[in-house]
PDB file of N, CA and C in Angstrom:
ATOM      1  N   ALA A   1       0.812  -1.270  -0.049  1.00  0.00           N
ATOM      2  CA  ALA A   1       0.278   0.122  -0.129  1.00  0.00           C
ATOM      3  C   ALA A   1       1.040   1.265  -0.013  1.00  0.00           C
ATOM      4  N   LEU A   2       0.176   2.223  -0.713  1.00  0.00           N
ATOM      5  CA  LEU A   2       0.824   3.410  -0.760  1.00  0.00           C
ATOM      6  C   LEU A   2       1.076   4.351   0.559  1.00  0.00           C
ATOM      7  N   SER A   3       1.842   4.683   1.485  1.00  0.00           N
ATOM      8  CA  SER A   3       1.615   5.311   2.462  1.00  0.00           C
ATOM      9  C   SER A   3       1.673   6.933   2.342  1.00  0.00           C
ATOM     10  N   LYS A   4       1.094   7.762   3.024  1.00  0.00           N
ATOM     11  CA  LYS A   4       1.277   9.286   2.804  1.00  0.00           C
ATOM     12  C   LYS A   4       2.580   9.697   2.902  1.00  0.00           C
ATOM     13  N   GLU A   5       3.506   9.310   3.749  1.00  0.00           N
ATOM     14  CA  GLU A   5       4.768   9.586   3.886  1.00  0.00           C
ATOM     15  C   GLU A   5       5.619   8.933   2.996  1.00  0.00           C
ATOM     16  N   TYR A   6       5.343   7.881   2.189  1.00  0.00           N
ATOM     17  CA  TYR A   6       6.210   7.576   0.788  1.00  0.00           C
ATOM     18  C   TYR A   6       5.789   8.429  -0.012  1.00  0.00           C
ATOM     19  N   LEU A   7       4.450   8.761  -0.542  1.00  0.00           N
ATOM     20  CA  LEU A   7       4.089   9.206  -1.501  1.00  0.00           C
ATOM     21  C   LEU A   7       4.472  10.807  -1.532  1.00  0.00           C
ATOM     22  N   SER A   8       4.648  11.425  -0.401  1.00  0.00           N
ATOM     23  CA  SER A   8       4.862  12.627  -0.224  1.00  0.00           C
ATOM     24  C   SER A   8       6.533  12.800  -0.277  1.00  0.00           C
ATOM     25  N   GLY A   9       7.251  11.714  -0.194  1.00  0.00           N
ATOM     26  CA  GLY A   9       8.422  12.054  -0.399  1.00  0.00           C
ATOM     27  C   GLY A   9       8.837  11.832  -1.754  1.00  0.00           C
ATOM     28  N   GLN A  10       7.997  11.144  -2.451  1.00  0.00           N
ATOM     29  CA  GLN A  10       8.456  11.047  -4.072  1.00  0.00           C
ATOM     30  C   GLN A  10       7.868  11.624  -4.959  1.00  0.00           C
ATOM     31  N   VAL A  11       6.412  11.652  -4.964  1.00  0.00           N
ATOM     32  CA  VAL A  11       5.363  12.618  -5.832  1.00  0.00           C
ATOM     33  C   VAL A  11       5.185  13.962  -5.665  1.00  0.00           C
ATOM     34  N   PRO A  12       5.642  14.739  -6.856  1.00  0.00           N
ATOM     35  CA  PRO A  12       5.442  16.171  -6.382  1.00  0.00           C
ATOM     36  C   PRO A  12       4.151  16.768  -5.815  1.00  0.00           C
ATOM     37  N   ILE A  13       4.126  17.573  -5.318  1.00  0.00           N
ATOM     38  CA  ILE A  13       2.998  17.943  -4.405  1.00  0.00           C
ATOM     39  C   ILE A  13       1.954  18.244  -5.504  1.00  0.00           C
ATOM     40  N   LYS A  14       2.113  18.955  -6.487  1.00  0.00           N
ATOM     41  CA  LYS A  14       1.291  19.409  -7.507  1.00  0.00           C
ATOM     42  C   LYS A  14       0.689  18.342  -7.962  1.00  0.00           C
ATOM     43  N   VAL A  15       1.204  17.184  -8.116  1.00  0.00           N
ATOM     44  CA  VAL A  15       0.502  15.816  -8.503  1.00  0.00           C
ATOM     45  C   VAL A  15      -0.695  15.307  -7.243  1.00  0.00           C
ATOM     46  N   LEU A  16      -0.037  15.230  -6.386  1.00  0.00           N
ATOM     47  CA  LEU A  16      -0.369  14.756  -5.005  1.00  0.00           C
ATOM     48  C   LEU A  16      -1.699  15.421  -4.653  1.00  0.00           C
ATOM     49  N   SER A  17      -1.654  16.861  -5.068  1.00  0.00           N
ATOM     50  CA  SER A  17      -2.849  17.409  -4.360  1.00  0.00           C
ATOM     51  C   SER A  17      -4.096  17.039  -5.181  1.00  0.00           C
ATOM     52  N   LYS A  18      -3.944  16.490  -6.261  1.00  0.00           N
ATOM     53  CA  LYS A  18      -5.017  16.500  -7.054  1.00  0.00           C
ATOM     54  C   LYS A  18      -6.066  15.073  -6.424  1.00  0.00           C
ATOM     55  N   PHE A  19      -5.390  14.373  -5.501  1.00  0.00           N
ATOM     56  CA  PHE A  19      -6.180  13.121  -5.024  1.00  0.00           C
ATOM     57  C   PHE A  19      -6.515  13.170  -3.521  1.00  0.00           C
ATOM     58  N   LYS A  20      -7.511  12.202  -3.350  1.00  0.00           N
ATOM     59  CA  LYS A  20      -8.240  12.084  -2.070  1.00  0.00           C
ATOM     60  C   LYS A  20      -7.013  11.212  -0.972  1.00  0.00           C
ATOM     61  N   GLU A  21      -7.055  11.105  -0.022  1.00  0.00           N
ATOM     62  CA  GLU A  21      -6.167  10.407   0.917  1.00  0.00           C
ATOM     63  C   GLU A  21      -6.814   9.150   1.102  1.00  0.00           C
ATOM     64  N   GLN A  22      -7.499   8.487   0.394  1.00  0.00           N
ATOM     65  CA  GLN A  22      -8.101   7.030   0.561  1.00  0.00           C
ATOM     66  C   GLN A  22      -7.633   6.309  -0.904  1.00  0.00           C
ATOM     67  N   TYR A  23      -7.426   5.035  -0.947  1.00  0.00           N
ATOM     68  CA  TYR A  23      -7.751   4.070  -2.074  1.00  0.00           C
ATOM     69  C   TYR A  23      -8.813   3.969  -2.372  1.00  0.00           C
ATOM     70  N   SER A  24      -8.823   3.312  -3.532  1.00  0.00           N
ATOM     71  CA  SER A  24      -9.760   3.025  -4.015  1.00  0.00           C
ATOM     72  C   SER A  24     -10.314   1.613  -3.029  1.00  0.00           C
ATOM     73  N   ASP A  25     -11.746   1.398  -3.086  1.00  0.00           N
ATOM     74  CA  ASP A  25     -11.804   0.288  -2.449  1.00  0.00           C
ATOM     75  C   ASP A  25     -12.440  -1.023  -3.377  1.00  0.00           C
ATOM     76  N   THR A  26     -12.140  -0.737  -4.292  1.00  0.00           N
ATOM     77  CA  THR A  26     -12.437  -1.913  -5.331  1.00  0.00           C
ATOM     78  C   THR A  26     -11.431  -2.805  -5.454  1.00  0.00           C
ATOM     79  N   ARG A  27     -11.074  -4.075  -5.593  1.00  0.00           N
ATOM     80  CA  ARG A  27     -10.018  -4.587  -5.669  1.00  0.00           C
ATOM     81  C   ARG A  27     -10.214  -5.329  -6.782  1.00  0.00           C
ATOM     82  N   ILE A  28      -8.917  -5.449  -7.738  1.00  0.00           N
ATOM     83  CA  ILE A  28      -8.957  -5.839  -9.253  1.00  0.00           C
ATOM     84  C   ILE A  28      -8.305  -7.193  -9.101  1.00  0.00           C
ATOM     85  N   ILE A  29      -8.658  -8.239  -9.503  1.00  0.00           N
ATOM     86  CA  ILE A  29      -7.832  -9.491  -9.309  1.00  0.00           C
ATOM     87  C   ILE A  29      -7.782  -9.810 -10.840  1.00  0.00           C
ATOM     88  N   ILE A  30      -6.591  -9.899 -11.504  1.00  0.00           N
ATOM     89  CA  ILE A  30      -6.401 -10.275 -13.103  1.00  0.00           C
ATOM     90  C   ILE A  30      -6.545 -11.961 -12.999  1.00  0.00           C
ATOM     91  N   GLU A  31      -6.897 -12.343 -13.794  1.00  0.00           N
ATOM     92  CA  GLU A  31      -7.346 -13.740 -14.011  1.00  0.00           C
ATOM     93  C   GLU A  31      -6.870 -13.974 -15.187  1.00  0.00           C
ATOM     94  N   LYS A  32      -6.942 -13.242 -16.352  1.00  0.00           N
ATOM     95  CA  LYS A  32      -6.601 -13.311 -17.702  1.00  0.00           C
ATOM     96  C   LYS A  32      -5.875 -11.940 -18.196  1.00  0.00           C
ATOM     97  N   LEU A  33      -4.823 -12.209 -18.996  1.00  0.00           N
ATOM     98  CA  LEU A  33      -3.829 -11.360 -19.794  1.00  0.00           C
ATOM     99  C   LEU A  33      -4.468 -10.610 -21.133  1.00  0.00           C
ATOM    100  N   ASP A  34      -5.856 -11.128 -21.587  1.00  0.00           N
ATOM    101  CA  ASP A  34      -6.352 -10.896 -22.864  1.00  0.00           C
ATOM    102  C   ASP A  34      -6.373  -9.339 -23.170  1.00  0.00           C
ATOM    103  N   ASN A  35      -6.662  -8.399 -21.971  1.00  0.00           N
ATOM    104  CA  ASN A  35      -6.320  -7.051 -22.461  1.00  0.00           C
ATOM    105  C   ASN A  35      -5.265  -6.221 -22.167  1.00  0.00           C
ATOM    106  N   ILE A  36      -4.244  -7.257 -21.706  1.00  0.00           N
ATOM    107  CA  ILE A  36      -2.883  -6.715 -21.277  1.00  0.00           C
ATOM    108  C   ILE A  36      -1.862  -6.941 -22.270  1.00  0.00           C
ATOM    109  N   ASN A  37      -1.349  -5.673 -22.962  1.00  0.00           N
ATOM    110  CA  ASN A  37      -0.554  -6.191 -24.054  1.00  0.00           C
ATOM    111  C   ASN A  37       0.810  -5.312 -23.755  1.00  0.00           C
ATOM    112  N   SER A  38       1.876  -5.732 -24.135  1.00  0.00           N
ATOM    113  CA  SER A  38       3.392  -5.437 -24.241  1.00  0.00           C
ATOM    114  C   SER A  38       3.643  -4.565 -25.425  1.00  0.00           C
ATOM    115  N   ALA A  39       4.162  -3.320 -25.247  1.00  0.00           N
ATOM    116  CA  ALA A  39       4.457  -2.498 -26.482  1.00  0.00           C
ATOM    117  C   ALA A  39       5.996  -3.163 -27.091  1.00  0.00           C
ATOM    118  N   LYS A  40       6.173  -3.772 -26.395  1.00  0.00           N
ATOM    119  CA  LYS A  40       7.617  -4.420 -26.809  1.00  0.00           C
ATOM    120  C   LYS A  40       7.460  -5.978 -27.361  1.00  0.00           C
ATOM    121  N   ASN A  41       6.262  -6.517 -27.078  1.00  0.00           N
ATOM    122  CA  ASN A  41       6.163  -8.238 -27.499  1.00  0.00           C
ATOM    123  C   ASN A  41       6.393  -8.757 -26.617  1.00  0.00           C
ATOM    124  N   HIS A  42       6.655  -8.670 -25.202  1.00  0.00           N
ATOM    125  CA  HIS A  42       7.167  -9.315 -24.100  1.00  0.00           C
ATOM    126  C   HIS A  42       6.298 -10.351 -24.138  1.00  0.00           C
ATOM    127  N   ASN A  43       6.436 -11.685 -23.677  1.00  0.00           N
ATOM    128  CA  ASN A  43       5.323 -12.733 -23.313  1.00  0.00           C
ATOM    129  C   ASN A  43       5.232 -12.376 -21.764  1.00  0.00           C
ATOM    130  N   LEU A  44       3.883 -12.190 -21.680  1.00  0.00           N
ATOM    131  CA  LEU A  44       3.348 -11.952 -20.300  1.00  0.00           C
ATOM    132  C   LEU A  44       2.494 -13.048 -19.778  1.00  0.00           C
ATOM    133  N   THR A  45       2.371 -13.559 -18.726  1.00  0.00           N
ATOM    134  CA  THR A  45       1.762 -14.657 -17.970  1.00  0.00           C
ATOM    135  C   THR A  45       1.663 -14.640 -16.819  1.00  0.00           C
ATOM    136  N   LEU A  46       0.526 -15.179 -16.268  1.00  0.00           N
ATOM    137  CA  LEU A  46       0.435 -14.775 -14.583  1.00  0.00           C
ATOM    138  C   LEU A  46       1.477 -15.713 -14.184  1.00  0.00           C
ATOM    139  N   ALA A  47       1.842 -15.081 -12.825  1.00  0.00           N
ATOM    140  CA  ALA A  47       2.582 -16.331 -11.923  1.00  0.00           C
ATOM    141  C   ALA A  47       2.133 -16.298 -10.540  1.00  0.00           C
ATOM    142  N   ASP A  48       2.425 -17.901 -10.138  1.00  0.00           N
ATOM    143  CA  ASP A  48       2.313 -18.107  -8.636  1.00  0.00           C
ATOM    144  C   ASP A  48       2.999 -17.453  -7.837  1.00  0.00           C
ATOM    145  N   THR A  49       2.886 -16.307  -7.334  1.00  0.00           N
ATOM    146  CA  THR A  49       3.527 -15.617  -6.438  1.00  0.00           C
ATOM    147  C   THR A  49       4.046 -16.633  -4.929  1.00  0.00           C
ATOM    148  N   LEU A  50       3.339 -17.498  -4.430  1.00  0.00           N
ATOM    149  CA  LEU A  50       3.557 -17.920  -3.490  1.00  0.00           C
ATOM    150  C   LEU A  50       4.767 -18.961  -3.771  1.00  0.00           C
ATOM    151  N   LEU A  51       4.830 -19.595  -4.989  1.00  0.00           N
ATOM    152  CA  LEU A  51       5.634 -20.664  -5.854  1.00  0.00           C
ATOM    153  C   LEU A  51       7.152 -19.607  -5.822  1.00  0.00           C
ATOM    154  N   LEU A  52       7.114 -18.652  -6.527  1.00  0.00           N
ATOM    155  CA  LEU A  52       8.222 -17.818  -6.787  1.00  0.00           C
ATOM    156  C   LEU A  52       9.039 -17.210  -5.205  1.00  0.00           C
ATOM    157  N   LYS A  53       7.902 -17.261  -4.351  1.00  0.00           N
ATOM    158  CA  LYS A  53       8.712 -16.666  -3.038  1.00  0.00           C
ATOM    159  C   LYS A  53       9.520 -17.774  -2.359  1.00  0.00           C
ATOM    160  N   GLU A  54       9.541 -18.921  -2.936  1.00  0.00           N
ATOM    161  CA  GLU A  54      10.202 -20.341  -2.293  1.00  0.00           C
ATOM    162  C   GLU A  54      11.584 -20.070  -2.601  1.00  0.00           C
ATOM    163  N   ALA A  55      11.903 -19.563  -3.518  1.00  0.00           N
ATOM    164  CA  ALA A  55      13.331 -19.480  -4.149  1.00  0.00           C
ATOM    165  C   ALA A  55      13.935 -17.915  -4.460  1.00  0.00           C
ATOM    166  N   ILE A  56      15.050 -17.782  -3.971  1.00  0.00           N
ATOM    167  CA  ILE A  56      15.660 -16.493  -4.262  1.00  0.00           C
ATOM    168  C   ILE A  56      15.648 -16.167  -5.664  1.00  0.00           C
ATOM    169  N   ASP A  57      15.794 -17.050  -6.336  1.00  0.00           N
ATOM    170  CA  ASP A  57      15.622 -16.668  -8.359  1.00  0.00           C
ATOM    171  C   ASP A  57      14.634 -17.283  -8.617  1.00  0.00           C
ATOM    172  N   PHE A  58      14.130 -16.445  -9.318  1.00  0.00           N
ATOM    173  CA  PHE A  58      12.687 -16.936 -10.267  1.00  0.00           C
ATOM    174  C   PHE A  58      12.966 -17.822 -11.169  1.00  0.00           C
ATOM    175  N   THR A  59      12.378 -19.045 -11.297  1.00  0.00           N
ATOM    176  CA  THR A  59      12.326 -20.064 -12.362  1.00  0.00           C
ATOM    177  C   THR A  59      11.123 -19.603 -13.116  1.00  0.00           C
ATOM    178  N   GLY A  60      11.272 -19.580 -14.268  1.00  0.00           N
ATOM    179  CA  GLY A  60      10.076 -19.660 -15.171  1.00  0.00           C
ATOM    180  C   GLY A  60       9.780 -17.993 -15.663  1.00  0.00           C
ATOM    181  N   ALA A  61      10.249 -17.121 -14.935  1.00  0.00           N
ATOM    182  CA  ALA A  61       9.863 -16.080 -15.084  1.00  0.00           C
ATOM    183  C   ALA A  61      11.070 -15.037 -15.040  1.00  0.00           C
ATOM    184  N   ASP A  62      11.284 -13.783 -16.212  1.00  0.00           N
ATOM    185  CA  ASP A  62      12.433 -13.140 -15.984  1.00  0.00           C
ATOM    186  C   ASP A  62      12.055 -11.782 -14.973  1.00  0.00           C
ATOM    187  N   GLN A  63      10.705 -11.411 -14.895  1.00  0.00           N
ATOM    188  CA  GLN A  63      10.492 -10.191 -13.956  1.00  0.00           C
ATOM    189  C   GLN A  63       9.100 -10.435 -13.632  1.00  0.00           C
ATOM    190  N   LEU A  64       8.879  -9.743 -12.249  1.00  0.00           N
ATOM    191  CA  LEU A  64       7.571 -10.099 -11.693  1.00  0.00           C
ATOM    192  C   LEU A  64       6.832  -8.512 -11.405  1.00  0.00           C
ATOM    193  N   PHE A  65       5.749  -8.275 -11.857  1.00  0.00           N
ATOM    194  CA  PHE A  65       5.082  -6.850 -11.735  1.00  0.00           C
ATOM    195  C   PHE A  65       4.095  -7.023 -10.583  1.00  0.00           C
ATOM    196  N   ASN A  66       4.206  -6.325  -9.570  1.00  0.00           N
ATOM    197  CA  ASN A  66       3.655  -6.139  -8.542  1.00  0.00           C
ATOM    198  C   ASN A  66       2.900  -4.941  -8.671  1.00  0.00           C
ATOM    199  N   PHE A  67       1.252  -4.590  -8.316  1.00  0.00           N
ATOM    200  CA  PHE A  67       0.192  -3.457  -8.727  1.00  0.00           C
ATOM    201  C   PHE A  67      -0.139  -3.224  -7.248  1.00  0.00           C
ATOM    202  N   SER A  68      -0.126  -2.038  -6.691  1.00  0.00           N
ATOM    203  CA  SER A  68      -1.013  -1.339  -5.787  1.00  0.00           C
ATOM    204  C   SER A  68      -2.322  -1.663  -5.767  1.00  0.00           C
ATOM    205  N   ARG A  69      -3.080  -0.871  -4.982  1.00  0.00           N
ATOM    206  CA  ARG A  69      -4.249  -0.516  -5.349  1.00  0.00           C
ATOM    207  C   ARG A  69      -4.250   0.930  -5.760  1.00  0.00           C
ATOM    208  N   ILE A  70      -5.315   1.214  -6.324  1.00  0.00           N
ATOM    209  CA  ILE A  70      -5.290   2.604  -7.017  1.00  0.00           C
ATOM    210  C   ILE A  70      -5.823   3.650  -6.252  1.00  0.00           C
ATOM    211  N   ILE A  71      -5.083   5.007  -6.224  1.00  0.00           N
ATOM    212  CA  ILE A  71      -5.775   6.041  -5.768  1.00  0.00           C
ATOM    213  C   ILE A  71      -6.149   6.897  -6.818  1.00  0.00           C
ATOM    214  N   TYR A  72      -7.484   7.025  -6.915  1.00  0.00           N
ATOM    215  CA  TYR A  72      -8.176   8.217  -7.831  1.00  0.00           C
ATOM    216  C   TYR A  72      -8.563   9.541  -7.290  1.00  0.00           C
ATOM    217  N   ASN A  73      -8.474  10.411  -8.373  1.00  0.00           N
ATOM    218  CA  ASN A  73      -8.811  11.792  -8.171  1.00  0.00           C
ATOM    219  C   ASN A  73     -10.564  11.780  -7.729  1.00  0.00           C
ATOM    220  N   LYS A  74     -11.007  13.024  -7.220  1.00  0.00           N
ATOM    221  CA  LYS A  74     -12.404  13.073  -7.219  1.00  0.00           C
ATOM    222  C   LYS A  74     -13.193  12.722  -8.627  1.00  0.00           C
ATOM    223  N   LYS A  75     -12.700  13.268  -9.791  1.00  0.00           N
ATOM    224  CA  LYS A  75     -13.371  12.973 -11.013  1.00  0.00           C
ATOM    225  C   LYS A  75     -13.123  11.882 -11.507  1.00  0.00           C
ATOM    226  N   ARG A  76     -12.059  10.646 -11.020  1.00  0.00           N
ATOM    227  CA  ARG A  76     -11.936   9.449 -11.490  1.00  0.00           C
ATOM    228  C   ARG A  76     -11.079   9.569 -13.114  1.00  0.00           C
ATOM    229  N   ASP A  77     -10.593  10.824 -13.129  1.00  0.00           N
ATOM    230  CA  ASP A  77      -9.817  11.030 -14.534  1.00  0.00           C
ATOM    231  C   ASP A  77      -8.488  10.989 -14.393  1.00  0.00           C
ATOM    232  N   ALA A  78      -7.925  10.975 -13.192  1.00  0.00           N
ATOM    233  CA  ALA A  78      -6.577  10.608 -12.906  1.00  0.00           C
ATOM    234  C   ALA A  78      -6.340   9.648 -11.701  1.00  0.00           C
ATOM    235  N   ALA A  79      -5.006   9.192 -11.558  1.00  0.00           N
ATOM    236  CA  ALA A  79      -4.788   8.272 -10.733  1.00  0.00           C
ATOM    237  C   ALA A  79      -3.302   7.813 -10.553  1.00  0.00           C
ATOM    238  N   LEU A  80      -3.204   7.266  -9.371  1.00  0.00           N
ATOM    239  CA  LEU A  80      -1.838   6.934  -8.989  1.00  0.00           C
ATOM    240  C   LEU A  80      -1.935   5.569  -8.456  1.00  0.00           C
ATOM    241  N   ILE A  81      -0.633   4.956  -8.939  1.00  0.00           N
ATOM    242  CA  ILE A  81      -0.313   3.241  -8.641  1.00  0.00           C
ATOM    243  C   ILE A  81       1.179   3.079  -8.501  1.00  0.00           C
ATOM    244  N   ASP A  82       1.291   2.051  -7.540  1.00  0.00           N
ATOM    245  CA  ASP A  82       2.901   1.813  -7.498  1.00  0.00           C
ATOM    246  C   ASP A  82       2.922   0.518  -8.046  1.00  0.00           C
ATOM    247  N   ILE A  83       3.923   0.512  -9.163  1.00  0.00           N
ATOM    248  CA  ILE A  83       4.366  -1.039  -9.691  1.00  0.00           C
ATOM    249  C   ILE A  83       5.430  -1.018  -9.368  1.00  0.00           C
ATOM    250  N   GLY A  84       5.878  -2.317  -8.628  1.00  0.00           N
ATOM    251  CA  GLY A  84       6.859  -3.035  -8.485  1.00  0.00           C
ATOM    252  C   GLY A  84       7.459  -3.920  -9.420  1.00  0.00           C
ATOM    253  N   ILE A  85       8.577  -3.945  -9.524  1.00  0.00           N
ATOM    254  CA  ILE A  85       9.563  -4.844 -10.422  1.00  0.00           C
ATOM    255  C   ILE A  85      10.476  -5.707  -9.907  1.00  0.00           C
ATOM    256  N   SER A  86      10.336  -6.943  -9.717  1.00  0.00           N
ATOM    257  CA  SER A  86      11.217  -7.691  -9.032  1.00  0.00           C
ATOM    258  C   SER A  86      11.975  -8.327 -10.049  1.00  0.00           C
ATOM    259  N   HIS A  87      13.276  -8.871  -9.821  1.00  0.00           N
ATOM    260  CA  HIS A  87      13.844  -9.469 -10.965  1.00  0.00           C
ATOM    261  C   HIS A  87      14.531 -10.792 -10.065  1.00  0.00           C
ATOM    262  N   SER A  88      14.488 -10.770  -8.834  1.00  0.00           N
ATOM    263  CA  SER A  88      14.610 -12.011  -8.326  1.00  0.00           C
ATOM    264  C   SER A  88      13.994 -11.842  -6.770  1.00  0.00           C
ATOM    265  N   GLY A  89      13.907 -12.790  -6.004  1.00  0.00           N
ATOM    266  CA  GLY A  89      13.400 -12.517  -4.780  1.00  0.00           C
ATOM    267  C   GLY A  89      14.280 -11.325  -3.701  1.00  0.00           C
ATOM    268  N   LEU A  90      15.446 -10.805  -4.232  1.00  0.00           N
ATOM    269  CA  LEU A  90      16.075 -10.355  -3.841  1.00  0.00           C
ATOM    270  C   LEU A  90      16.532  -8.842  -4.382  1.00  0.00           C
ATOM    271  N   ALA A  91      16.104  -8.636  -5.636  1.00  0.00           N
ATOM    272  CA  ALA A  91      16.454  -7.455  -6.075  1.00  0.00           C
ATOM    273  C   ALA A  91      15.052  -6.939  -7.310  1.00  0.00           C
ATOM    274  N   GLY A  92      15.150  -5.705  -6.736  1.00  0.00           N
ATOM    275  CA  GLY A  92      13.790  -5.141  -7.697  1.00  0.00           C
ATOM    276  C   GLY A  92      13.696  -3.360  -6.918  1.00  0.00           C
ATOM    277  N   SER A  93      12.694  -3.038  -7.685  1.00  0.00           N
ATOM    278  CA  SER A  93      12.071  -1.600  -7.427  1.00  0.00           C
ATOM    279  C   SER A  93      11.052  -1.412  -7.796  1.00  0.00           C
ATOM    280  N   SER A  94      10.493   0.138  -7.440  1.00  0.00           N
ATOM    281  CA  SER A  94       9.361   0.208  -7.773  1.00  0.00           C
ATOM    282  C   SER A  94       9.050   1.503  -8.194  1.00  0.00           C
ATOM    283  N   ARG A  95       8.122   2.095  -8.930  1.00  0.00           N
ATOM    284  CA  ARG A  95       7.758   3.251  -9.311  1.00  0.00           C
ATOM    285  C   ARG A  95       6.396   3.649  -9.143  1.00  0.00           C
ATOM    286  N   VAL A  96       6.221   4.876  -8.725  1.00  0.00           N
ATOM    287  CA  VAL A  96       4.589   5.605  -8.510  1.00  0.00           C
ATOM    288  C   VAL A  96       4.352   6.010 -10.074  1.00  0.00           C
ATOM    289  N   CYS A  97       3.172   5.691 -10.521  1.00  0.00           N
ATOM    290  CA  CYS A  97       3.149   6.220 -11.831  1.00  0.00           C
ATOM    291  C   CYS A  97       1.534   6.861 -11.786  1.00  0.00           C
ATOM    292  N   TYR A  98       1.895   8.149 -12.381  1.00  0.00           N
ATOM    293  CA  TYR A  98       0.713   8.957 -12.628  1.00  0.00           C
ATOM    294  C   TYR A  98       0.008   8.981 -13.795  1.00  0.00           C
ATOM    295  N   LEU A  99      -1.054   8.613 -13.813  1.00  0.00           N
ATOM    296  CA  LEU A  99      -1.981   8.211 -15.161  1.00  0.00           C
ATOM    297  C   LEU A  99      -3.165   9.633 -15.130  1.00  0.00           C
ATOM    298  N   GLN A 100      -3.552   9.499 -16.514  1.00  0.00           N
ATOM    299  CA  GLN A 100      -4.721  10.624 -16.673  1.00  0.00           C
ATOM    300  C   GLN A 100      -5.381   9.747 -17.833  1.00  0.00           C
ATOM    301  N   LYS A 101      -6.885   9.797 -17.754  1.00  0.00           N
ATOM    302  CA  LYS A 101      -7.951   9.287 -18.774  1.00  0.00           C
ATOM    303  C   LYS A 101      -8.142  10.570 -19.434  1.00  0.00           C
ATOM    304  N   LYS A 102      -8.230  10.349 -20.949  1.00  0.00           N
ATOM    305  CA  LYS A 102      -8.604  10.953 -22.047  1.00  0.00           C
ATOM    306  C   LYS A 102      -9.128  10.505 -22.995  1.00  0.00           C
ATOM    307  N   ASN A 103     -10.254  10.819 -23.442  1.00  0.00           N
ATOM    308  CA  ASN A 103     -10.983   9.990 -24.474  1.00  0.00           C
ATOM    309  C   ASN A 103     -11.726   8.585 -23.983  1.00  0.00           C
ATOM    310  N   GLY A 104     -11.386   8.203 -22.935  1.00  0.00           N
ATOM    311  CA  GLY A 104     -11.727   7.045 -22.459  1.00  0.00           C
ATOM    312  C   GLY A 104     -10.153   5.968 -22.273  1.00  0.00           C
ATOM    313  N   GLN A 105      -9.427   6.573 -22.621  1.00  0.00           N
ATOM    314  CA  GLN A 105      -8.063   5.948 -22.636  1.00  0.00           C
ATOM    315  C   GLN A 105      -7.241   6.131 -21.515  1.00  0.00           C
ATOM    316  N   TRP A 106      -6.699   5.620 -20.482  1.00  0.00           N
ATOM    317  CA  TRP A 106      -5.610   5.677 -19.549  1.00  0.00           C
ATOM    318  C   TRP A 106      -4.386   5.879 -20.063  1.00  0.00           C
ATOM    319  N   LYS A 107      -3.480   6.849 -19.571  1.00  0.00           N
ATOM    320  CA  LYS A 107      -2.027   6.997 -20.349  1.00  0.00           C
ATOM    321  C   LYS A 107      -1.379   7.465 -19.382  1.00  0.00           C
ATOM    322  N   ILE A 108      -0.013   7.040 -18.976  1.00  0.00           N
ATOM    323  CA  ILE A 108       0.816   7.208 -17.954  1.00  0.00           C
ATOM    324  C   ILE A 108       1.633   8.705 -18.630  1.00  0.00           C
ATOM    325  N   ILE A 109       1.328   9.367 -17.451  1.00  0.00           N
ATOM    326  CA  ILE A 109       1.728  10.670 -17.589  1.00  0.00           C
ATOM    327  C   ILE A 109       3.280  10.663 -17.343  1.00  0.00           C
ATOM    328  N   SER A 110       3.645  10.585 -16.058  1.00  0.00           N
ATOM    329  CA  SER A 110       4.840  10.381 -15.514  1.00  0.00           C
ATOM    330  C   SER A 110       4.961   9.328 -14.431  1.00  0.00           C
ATOM    331  N   CYS A 111       6.134   8.870 -14.085  1.00  0.00           N
ATOM    332  CA  CYS A 111       6.380   8.267 -13.254  1.00  0.00           C
ATOM    333  C   CYS A 111       7.811   8.488 -12.296  1.00  0.00           C
ATOM    334  N   TYR A 112       7.903   8.317 -10.723  1.00  0.00           N
ATOM    335  CA  TYR A 112       8.486   8.694  -9.809  1.00  0.00           C
ATOM    336  C   TYR A 112       9.088   7.797  -9.168  1.00  0.00           C
ATOM    337  N   GLU A 113      10.502   7.903  -8.917  1.00  0.00           N
ATOM    338  CA  GLU A 113      11.072   6.776  -8.125  1.00  0.00           C
ATOM    339  C   GLU A 113      10.711   6.186  -6.776  1.00  0.00           C
ATOM    340  N   GLY A 114      10.450   4.954  -6.551  1.00  0.00           N
ATOM    341  CA  GLY A 114      10.027   4.297  -5.285  1.00  0.00           C
ATOM    342  C   GLY A 114      10.988   3.718  -4.670  1.00  0.00           C
ATOM    343  N   TYR A 115      10.803   2.546  -4.124  1.00  0.00           N
ATOM    344  CA  TYR A 115      11.565   1.751  -3.647  1.00  0.00           C
ATOM    345  C   TYR A 115      12.465   1.022  -4.114  1.00  0.00           C
ATOM    346  N   ILE A 116      13.489   0.440  -3.736  1.00  0.00           N
ATOM    347  CA  ILE A 116      14.544  -0.308  -4.109  1.00  0.00           C
ATOM    348  C   ILE A 116      14.922  -1.360  -3.289  1.00  0.00           C
ATOM    349  N   TRP A 117      14.825  -2.636  -3.426  1.00  0.00           N
ATOM    350  CA  TRP A 117      15.068  -3.774  -2.817  1.00  0.00           C
ATOM    351  C   TRP A 117      16.314  -4.920  -3.163  1.00  0.00           C
TER     352      TRP A 117
END
């Protein structure tokens, strides 16, 4: 989850001022990747994170993406999400991404440095 302290230290105040101080209460569980595409034609697959946690190095996956709950603004036309990318159980980083919705399409406007592990 994105804490206020984490967000205030990483995301510019002019971006943060557009958002409520609570997360979306909607949980999304991704069960299929039909509508998720890679711009660089990467092979995307769902992974069992419990199995991946059993080993330091991932087998069968090059990277693991983790997504936080989404924080929306009042109009629900802008959002913040924390995206973590793990290369192994001991190496990864995250970015807080600022998205805007225009003409029914979500676009990433900018990303800010997050955690490193």
